[in-house]
Every structure is written in structure tokens, then in C-alpha cells.
Amino acid sequence: MSETAALSVSEARQQLAEIIDRARSEHTPIYLARRGRRVAAVIDADDLDGILELAEDMADIRAAEAARAEMRATGETPIPWEQVKADVGLT
């Protein structure tokens, strides 16, 4: 991933409305820097929601993969869905 140029925090203060509009219209984050290092980003709220949903999905996928790997390593068999529903009172 290439390093994207960043505005200084002091520049961002002066241009906040324009930065927000640009992040929303271009759907790319606008990075902010302090002492030459990126410290924050302004991103469209809907884009962030989508990223967070994808991150949650990926965490679920990784947890499922880890559970399957553990079951293979231990020789355990999965609990049938009907039994799980009965155990938690969903039937």
C-alpha cells in the first residue's frame, strides 16, 4: 500500500469543511499528519460503516476457521444445530 500524502493538522483546521466534502465526494480517506507522521484520517461515514461491516465479517470467518482447525486437531465433532437450539431454549 503506498503512502498517501497527508495534510498537517493545522492545515486541516483551516480547511475542515473542504476536507469533509472531499472525503464524501471522492470516497477516499484524507490523512492528517502531525510532525510529518500520519495520525488520523477523515473518511465518509457510510464508507467507514462498510469497512467496519467487512472487518466484522472477516473476524467471524477467522473465528470459524480457528474453530474448525481446533476440531480437526482435537478430533471433536460439531454439535448439531438442532441440539444447540434446544440447549439455548430456541425450540
Foldseek 3Di string as FASTA:
>chain_A
DDDDDAAEPVVCVVCVVVQQVCQVVVQDWHFYDDPRDTDDTRHDPVSVVVVVVVVVVVVVVVVVVVVVVVCVVVVPDDDDPVVVCVVVVND
